[in-house]
Protein backbone atom coordinates (compact mmCIF):
# COMPACT_ATOMS: atom_id res chain seq x y z
CA UNK A 1 135.38 105.74 110.75
CA UNK A 2 133.36 108.96 110.73
CA UNK A 3 134.42 111.02 113.74
CA UNK A 4 131.08 112.76 114.12
CA UNK A 5 128.99 109.61 113.76
CA UNK A 6 126.71 109.15 116.77
CA UNK A 7 125.24 105.74 115.93
CA UNK A 8 127.04 102.69 114.58
CA UNK A 9 123.85 100.70 113.93
CA UNK A 10 120.71 102.14 112.34
CA UNK A 11 117.75 99.75 112.34
CA UNK A 12 114.73 100.49 110.18
CA UNK A 13 111.21 99.24 110.33
CA UNK A 14 110.08 98.22 106.84
CA UNK A 15 106.37 98.81 106.14
CA UNK A 16 105.47 102.49 106.32
CA UNK A 17 109.06 103.52 107.02
CA UNK A 18 111.05 102.48 103.94
CA UNK A 19 108.33 100.76 101.92
CA UNK A 20 105.11 102.55 100.93
CA UNK A 21 102.82 99.66 101.91
CA UNK A 22 100.52 101.02 104.62
CA UNK A 23 97.45 101.35 102.40
CA UNK A 24 97.84 97.86 100.94
CA UNK A 25 98.19 96.31 104.40
CA UNK A 26 95.03 98.06 105.61
CA UNK A 27 93.06 97.04 102.52
CA UNK A 28 94.33 93.45 102.73
CA UNK A 29 93.26 93.11 106.37
CA UNK A 30 89.84 94.48 105.51
CA UNK A 31 89.46 92.23 102.45
CA UNK A 32 90.45 89.17 104.48
CA UNK A 33 87.74 90.00 107.01
CA UNK A 34 85.15 90.26 104.27
CA UNK A 35 86.29 86.93 102.84
CA UNK A 36 85.57 85.06 106.06
CA UNK A 37 82.56 87.23 106.95
CA UNK A 38 83.73 88.80 110.19
CA UNK A 39 83.51 92.48 111.24
CA UNK A 40 85.75 94.69 109.11
CA UNK A 41 88.03 97.04 111.10
CA UNK A 42 88.17 100.74 110.27
CA UNK A 43 91.16 102.17 108.43
CA UNK A 44 92.49 103.52 111.74
CA UNK A 45 92.11 100.22 113.57
CA UNK A 46 93.72 98.27 110.75
CA UNK A 47 96.60 100.74 110.44
CA UNK A 48 97.27 100.66 114.19
CA UNK A 49 98.39 97.00 114.09
CA UNK A 50 101.00 97.53 111.35
CA UNK A 51 104.40 96.60 112.72
CA UNK A 52 103.17 93.76 114.88
CA UNK A 53 103.66 90.15 113.88
CA UNK A 54 100.78 88.88 111.76
CA UNK A 55 99.15 86.79 114.49
CA UNK A 56 99.28 89.62 117.03
CA UNK A 57 98.13 92.11 114.39
CA UNK A 58 95.06 90.11 113.45
CA UNK A 59 94.14 89.51 117.09
CA UNK A 60 94.22 93.26 117.70
CA UNK A 61 92.42 94.16 114.49
CA UNK A 62 89.72 91.50 114.86
CA UNK A 63 89.37 90.82 118.58
CA UNK A 64 87.15 88.04 119.82
CA UNK A 65 87.49 85.77 116.80
CA UNK A 66 87.69 82.07 117.81
CA UNK A 67 91.37 81.16 117.96
CA UNK A 68 91.01 78.43 115.32
CA UNK A 69 89.88 81.05 112.76
CA UNK A 70 92.94 83.30 112.92
CA UNK A 71 95.03 81.04 110.63
CA UNK A 72 92.26 81.23 108.03
CA UNK A 73 92.17 85.01 108.35
CA UNK A 74 95.96 85.10 108.02
CA UNK A 75 95.86 83.06 104.81
CA UNK A 76 93.30 85.38 103.27
CA UNK A 77 95.36 88.42 104.30
CA UNK A 78 98.47 86.91 102.67
CA UNK A 79 96.48 86.14 99.52
CA UNK A 80 95.41 89.76 99.10
CA UNK A 81 98.76 91.28 100.12
CA UNK A 82 101.01 89.15 97.92
CA UNK A 83 98.65 89.57 94.95
CA UNK A 84 99.46 93.30 94.89
CA UNK A 85 102.88 93.57 96.55
CA UNK A 86 104.55 93.94 93.14
CA UNK A 87 102.85 97.34 92.78
CA UNK A 88 104.56 98.78 95.87
CA UNK A 89 107.62 101.03 95.87
CA UNK A 90 110.13 102.50 98.29
CA UNK A 91 109.36 105.96 99.60
CA UNK A 92 111.03 108.77 97.61
CA UNK A 93 114.69 109.34 98.57
CA UNK A 94 114.91 106.04 100.50
CA UNK A 95 117.53 104.57 98.16
CA UNK A 96 119.71 107.67 98.31
CA UNK A 97 119.41 107.77 102.09
CA UNK A 98 120.50 104.14 102.48
CA UNK A 99 123.40 104.67 100.06
CA UNK A 100 124.64 107.71 101.99
CA UNK A 101 124.43 105.85 105.30
CA UNK A 102 126.44 102.97 103.84
CA UNK A 103 129.07 105.45 102.65
CA UNK A 104 129.30 106.74 106.22
CA UNK A 105 129.97 103.14 107.29
CA UNK A 106 126.86 102.75 109.41
CA UNK A 107 125.68 99.21 109.94
CA UNK A 108 122.12 98.93 108.60
CA UNK A 109 119.41 96.54 109.75
CA UNK A 110 115.70 95.85 109.33
CA UNK A 111 113.45 95.00 112.28
CA UNK A 112 109.99 94.21 110.95
CA UNK A 113 106.68 92.65 111.80
CA UNK A 114 106.69 90.99 108.37
CA UNK A 115 107.33 87.29 107.86
CA UNK A 116 110.69 86.14 106.51
CA UNK A 117 109.04 85.25 103.22
CA UNK A 118 107.40 88.67 103.05
CA UNK A 119 110.59 90.59 103.80
CA UNK A 120 112.74 88.56 101.43
CA UNK A 121 110.26 89.09 98.60
CA UNK A 122 110.04 92.81 99.37
CA UNK A 123 113.84 93.19 99.45
CA UNK A 124 114.11 91.39 96.12
CA UNK A 125 111.35 93.53 94.62
CA UNK A 126 113.09 96.71 95.81
CA UNK A 127 116.49 95.39 94.68
CA UNK A 128 117.94 95.83 98.16
CA UNK A 129 119.51 92.41 98.68
CA UNK A 130 122.88 92.86 100.36
CA UNK A 131 122.21 96.43 101.51
CA UNK A 132 121.35 95.47 105.08
CA UNK A 133 123.89 93.89 107.40
CA UNK A 134 121.23 91.96 109.33
CA UNK A 135 117.44 91.57 109.39
CA UNK A 136 114.87 90.14 111.78
CA UNK A 137 111.24 89.26 111.14
CA UNK A 138 108.40 88.58 113.53
CA UNK A 139 108.22 84.86 112.70
CA UNK A 140 111.88 84.44 113.74
CA UNK A 141 111.77 86.12 117.13
CA UNK A 142 109.46 87.96 119.55
CA UNK A 143 107.03 90.44 118.00
CA UNK A 144 107.27 94.16 118.69
CA UNK A 145 107.29 95.86 121.14
CA UNK A 146 109.23 93.11 122.92
CA UNK A 147 112.92 94.14 122.76
CA UNK A 148 114.27 90.75 121.62
CA UNK A 149 114.18 91.58 117.90
CA UNK A 150 116.44 94.60 118.32
CA UNK A 151 118.55 92.90 120.99
CA UNK A 152 119.31 90.07 118.57
CA UNK A 153 120.33 92.52 115.86
CA UNK A 154 122.62 94.39 118.25
CA UNK A 155 124.21 91.13 119.42
CA UNK A 156 124.72 89.87 115.86
CA UNK A 157 126.39 93.10 114.77
CA UNK A 158 128.30 93.75 117.99
CA UNK A 159 126.76 97.13 118.78
CA UNK A 160 125.44 98.24 122.17
CA UNK A 161 122.20 100.13 122.84
CA UNK A 162 123.96 103.48 123.27
CA UNK A 163 125.22 103.29 119.68
CA UNK A 164 121.98 101.99 118.15
CA UNK A 165 119.14 103.98 116.56
CA UNK A 166 115.74 102.51 115.67
CA UNK A 167 113.56 104.26 113.07
CA UNK A 168 109.89 103.50 112.57
CA UNK A 169 106.43 104.79 111.76
CA UNK A 170 104.53 103.26 114.70
CA UNK A 171 104.50 103.42 118.46
CA UNK A 172 105.34 99.69 118.38
CA UNK A 173 108.70 100.57 116.82
CA UNK A 174 109.44 103.31 119.33
CA UNK A 175 108.48 101.11 122.27
CA UNK A 176 110.65 98.30 120.89
CA UNK A 177 113.62 100.66 120.88
CA UNK A 178 112.82 102.04 124.31
CA UNK A 179 112.51 98.55 125.76
CA UNK A 180 115.91 97.67 124.27
CA UNK A 181 117.53 100.85 125.65
CA UNK A 182 118.17 102.30 122.18
CA UNK A 183 117.54 105.74 120.74
CA UNK A 184 114.59 106.20 118.38
CA UNK A 185 113.34 108.38 115.56
CA UNK A 186 109.75 108.42 114.29
CA UNK A 187 108.38 109.08 110.83
CA UNK A 188 104.91 110.59 110.45
CA UNK A 189 104.19 109.48 106.87
CA UNK A 190 103.36 105.85 107.78
CA UNK A 191 100.72 104.11 109.89
CA UNK A 192 100.49 106.08 113.16
CA UNK A 193 99.68 109.71 113.82
CA UNK A 194 102.53 111.89 115.09
CA UNK A 195 100.59 112.85 118.25
CA UNK A 196 101.06 109.30 119.53
CA UNK A 197 104.85 109.48 119.36
CA UNK A 198 105.58 112.08 122.06
CA UNK A 199 105.32 109.80 125.09
CA UNK A 200 108.01 107.53 123.61
CA UNK A 201 110.50 110.43 123.38
CA UNK A 202 111.84 110.15 119.83
CA UNK A 203 114.89 112.24 119.05
CA UNK A 204 113.15 113.53 115.93
CA UNK A 205 109.94 113.12 113.95
CA UNK A 206 110.48 113.18 110.19
CA UNK A 207 107.63 114.10 107.86
CA UNK A 208 109.30 112.72 104.71
CA UNK A 209 112.21 110.50 103.79
CA UNK A 210 114.01 113.63 102.63
CA UNK A 211 113.72 115.08 106.14
CA UNK A 212 114.82 111.77 107.63
CA UNK A 213 117.81 111.64 105.28
CA UNK A 214 118.91 115.16 106.17
CA UNK A 215 118.54 114.55 109.92
CA UNK A 216 120.51 111.30 109.81
CA UNK A 217 123.38 112.90 107.91
CA UNK A 218 123.50 115.80 110.38
CA UNK A 219 122.82 113.91 113.63
CA UNK A 220 123.19 110.18 113.02
């Protein structure tokens, strides 16, 4: 055990936090809208929904679409995203950060708005199978910002809210953590602008994975 360790469990969002996928998600949402000839959301509107489960994300990005058309939109989104997912990479320093946290004996988890298929393929692509002690996806549990996703991870790993830290690039991630009673750290290099984070009281806002790494080693 590390005497100075503040958190036993560190849960990461995936897209825009560990995986440099924000631009592809935005472009895939927009391409899907063009495919089915519905209004195309702006970059900002499409980026805002990152972190939500796919159904909730598409309802926010393309409001007012007849409910029976959202599955079609979701299929077109998946087509565009998975066609290019192999081009994506982890953010710089992410691997070293995860390795150092494992050496400090932190439990590591992923709490993501991705589907199970999407996360498993991304973990395989990034060669991170076995690195995380537990993962939850939006098609397995309640979508962010409902606290259930993080509550299930804490229960599975036997860690209480006071010893849990959630890290993410969106206000959905921070609100998830707040709703679960856990501490939170934001990163500004993903989907949401840093100005939106303040009301959710993150312990720190990192502007790069290097900054996040250094803060976690010093304060995590």
